[in-house]
């Protein structure tokens, strides 16, 4: 049995699932997903906090607009085909 730490150097990081798991267990899934998306975009693209937050807010805005548009179109189609 090895007594070495699972991450032996200062540059090793825990897997993303390991950092999200405690938040999911306590029922805070929304915050865990938001943090994961923020952190992953920041790490992958190597950009600053403000630019990453701006991109996520813009992405959330267009996601909301698209969802609202789809709901309106689906409702209209359903009403017309009754």
C-alpha atoms as a PDB file:
ATOM      1  CA  UNK A   1       0.000   0.000   0.000  1.00  0.00           C
ATOM      2  CA  UNK A   2       1.415   3.333  -1.065  1.00  0.00           C
ATOM      3  CA  UNK A   3       1.477   6.310   1.290  1.00  0.00           C
ATOM      4  CA  UNK A   4       2.190   8.849  -1.468  1.00  0.00           C
ATOM      5  CA  UNK A   5      -0.244  11.677  -1.983  1.00  0.00           C
ATOM      6  CA  UNK A   6      -2.546  11.226  -4.987  1.00  0.00           C
ATOM      7  CA  UNK A   7      -1.159  14.430  -6.553  1.00  0.00           C
ATOM      8  CA  UNK A   8       2.537  14.534  -5.930  1.00  0.00           C
ATOM      9  CA  UNK A   9       3.649  17.877  -7.348  1.00  0.00           C
ATOM     10  CA  UNK A  10       2.439  21.436  -6.969  1.00  0.00           C
ATOM     11  CA  UNK A  11       1.399  21.549 -10.630  1.00  0.00           C
ATOM     12  CA  UNK A  12      -0.849  18.471 -10.482  1.00  0.00           C
ATOM     13  CA  UNK A  13      -4.529  19.220 -10.126  1.00  0.00           C
ATOM     14  CA  UNK A  14      -7.478  17.159  -9.037  1.00  0.00           C
ATOM     15  CA  UNK A  15      -9.799  16.050 -11.839  1.00  0.00           C
ATOM     16  CA  UNK A  16     -12.686  18.408 -12.525  1.00  0.00           C
ATOM     17  CA  UNK A  17     -15.238  15.856 -11.303  1.00  0.00           C
ATOM     18  CA  UNK A  18     -13.519  15.682  -7.931  1.00  0.00           C
ATOM     19  CA  UNK A  19     -13.864  19.425  -7.397  1.00  0.00           C
ATOM     20  CA  UNK A  20     -17.524  19.481  -8.457  1.00  0.00           C
ATOM     21  CA  UNK A  21     -18.656  16.399  -6.523  1.00  0.00           C
ATOM     22  CA  UNK A  22     -18.990  18.026  -3.055  1.00  0.00           C
ATOM     23  CA  UNK A  23     -21.200  20.803  -4.433  1.00  0.00           C
ATOM     24  CA  UNK A  24     -23.410  18.289  -6.216  1.00  0.00           C
ATOM     25  CA  UNK A  25     -23.780  16.174  -3.078  1.00  0.00           C
ATOM     26  CA  UNK A  26     -25.140  19.110  -1.078  1.00  0.00           C
ATOM     27  CA  UNK A  27     -27.729  19.924  -3.740  1.00  0.00           C
ATOM     28  CA  UNK A  28     -26.082  22.982  -5.272  1.00  0.00           C
ATOM     29  CA  UNK A  29     -25.988  21.742  -8.856  1.00  0.00           C
ATOM     30  CA  UNK A  30     -26.627  25.097 -10.507  1.00  0.00           C
ATOM     31  CA  UNK A  31     -23.682  26.757  -8.804  1.00  0.00           C
ATOM     32  CA  UNK A  32     -21.472  23.743  -9.487  1.00  0.00           C
ATOM     33  CA  UNK A  33     -22.281  23.794 -13.206  1.00  0.00           C
ATOM     34  CA  UNK A  34     -21.783  27.570 -13.400  1.00  0.00           C
ATOM     35  CA  UNK A  35     -18.424  27.307 -11.636  1.00  0.00           C
ATOM     36  CA  UNK A  36     -17.340  24.405 -13.842  1.00  0.00           C
ATOM     37  CA  UNK A  37     -18.203  26.301 -17.039  1.00  0.00           C
ATOM     38  CA  UNK A  38     -16.460  29.455 -15.811  1.00  0.00           C
ATOM     39  CA  UNK A  39     -13.358  27.596 -14.689  1.00  0.00           C
ATOM     40  CA  UNK A  40     -13.118  25.399 -17.782  1.00  0.00           C
ATOM     41  CA  UNK A  41     -13.444  28.366 -20.171  1.00  0.00           C
ATOM     42  CA  UNK A  42     -10.882  30.296 -18.182  1.00  0.00           C
ATOM     43  CA  UNK A  43      -8.382  27.428 -18.203  1.00  0.00           C
ATOM     44  CA  UNK A  44      -8.877  26.382 -21.837  1.00  0.00           C
ATOM     45  CA  UNK A  45      -8.808  29.869 -23.354  1.00  0.00           C
ATOM     46  CA  UNK A  46      -6.376  31.378 -20.832  1.00  0.00           C
ATOM     47  CA  UNK A  47      -8.274  34.646 -20.517  1.00  0.00           C
ATOM     48  CA  UNK A  48      -8.960  36.963 -17.607  1.00  0.00           C
ATOM     49  CA  UNK A  49     -11.882  36.874 -15.195  1.00  0.00           C
ATOM     50  CA  UNK A  50     -13.802  39.782 -16.733  1.00  0.00           C
ATOM     51  CA  UNK A  51     -13.541  38.549 -20.302  1.00  0.00           C
ATOM     52  CA  UNK A  52     -14.591  35.042 -19.265  1.00  0.00           C
ATOM     53  CA  UNK A  53     -17.556  36.369 -17.256  1.00  0.00           C
ATOM     54  CA  UNK A  54     -18.569  38.578 -20.160  1.00  0.00           C
ATOM     55  CA  UNK A  55     -18.490  35.669 -22.569  1.00  0.00           C
ATOM     56  CA  UNK A  56     -20.526  33.497 -20.212  1.00  0.00           C
ATOM     57  CA  UNK A  57     -23.111  36.254 -19.711  1.00  0.00           C
ATOM     58  CA  UNK A  58     -23.383  36.741 -23.468  1.00  0.00           C
ATOM     59  CA  UNK A  59     -23.730  32.986 -23.942  1.00  0.00           C
ATOM     60  CA  UNK A  60     -26.425  32.820 -21.241  1.00  0.00           C
ATOM     61  CA  UNK A  61     -28.291  35.734 -22.840  1.00  0.00           C
ATOM     62  CA  UNK A  62     -28.429  34.118 -26.274  1.00  0.00           C
ATOM     63  CA  UNK A  63     -29.336  30.765 -24.719  1.00  0.00           C
ATOM     64  CA  UNK A  64     -32.256  32.435 -22.938  1.00  0.00           C
ATOM     65  CA  UNK A  65     -33.373  34.271 -26.100  1.00  0.00           C
ATOM     66  CA  UNK A  66     -33.194  31.060 -28.148  1.00  0.00           C
ATOM     67  CA  UNK A  67     -35.176  29.135 -25.536  1.00  0.00           C
ATOM     68  CA  UNK A  68     -37.852  31.822 -25.386  1.00  0.00           C
ATOM     69  CA  UNK A  69     -38.102  31.914 -29.171  1.00  0.00           C
ATOM     70  CA  UNK A  70     -38.435  28.127 -29.368  1.00  0.00           C
ATOM     71  CA  UNK A  71     -41.123  28.149 -26.668  1.00  0.00           C
ATOM     72  CA  UNK A  72     -43.076  30.837 -28.540  1.00  0.00           C
ATOM     73  CA  UNK A  73     -42.774  29.016 -31.864  1.00  0.00           C
ATOM     74  CA  UNK A  74     -43.773  25.686 -30.339  1.00  0.00           C
ATOM     75  CA  UNK A  75     -46.769  27.270 -28.607  1.00  0.00           C
ATOM     76  CA  UNK A  76     -47.872  28.969 -31.828  1.00  0.00           C
ATOM     77  CA  UNK A  77     -47.483  25.776 -33.834  1.00  0.00           C
ATOM     78  CA  UNK A  78     -49.418  23.789 -31.245  1.00  0.00           C
ATOM     79  CA  UNK A  79     -52.218  26.362 -31.178  1.00  0.00           C
ATOM     80  CA  UNK A  80     -52.477  26.383 -34.975  1.00  0.00           C
ATOM     81  CA  UNK A  81     -52.626  22.590 -35.283  1.00  0.00           C
ATOM     82  CA  UNK A  82     -55.388  21.973 -32.754  1.00  0.00           C
END
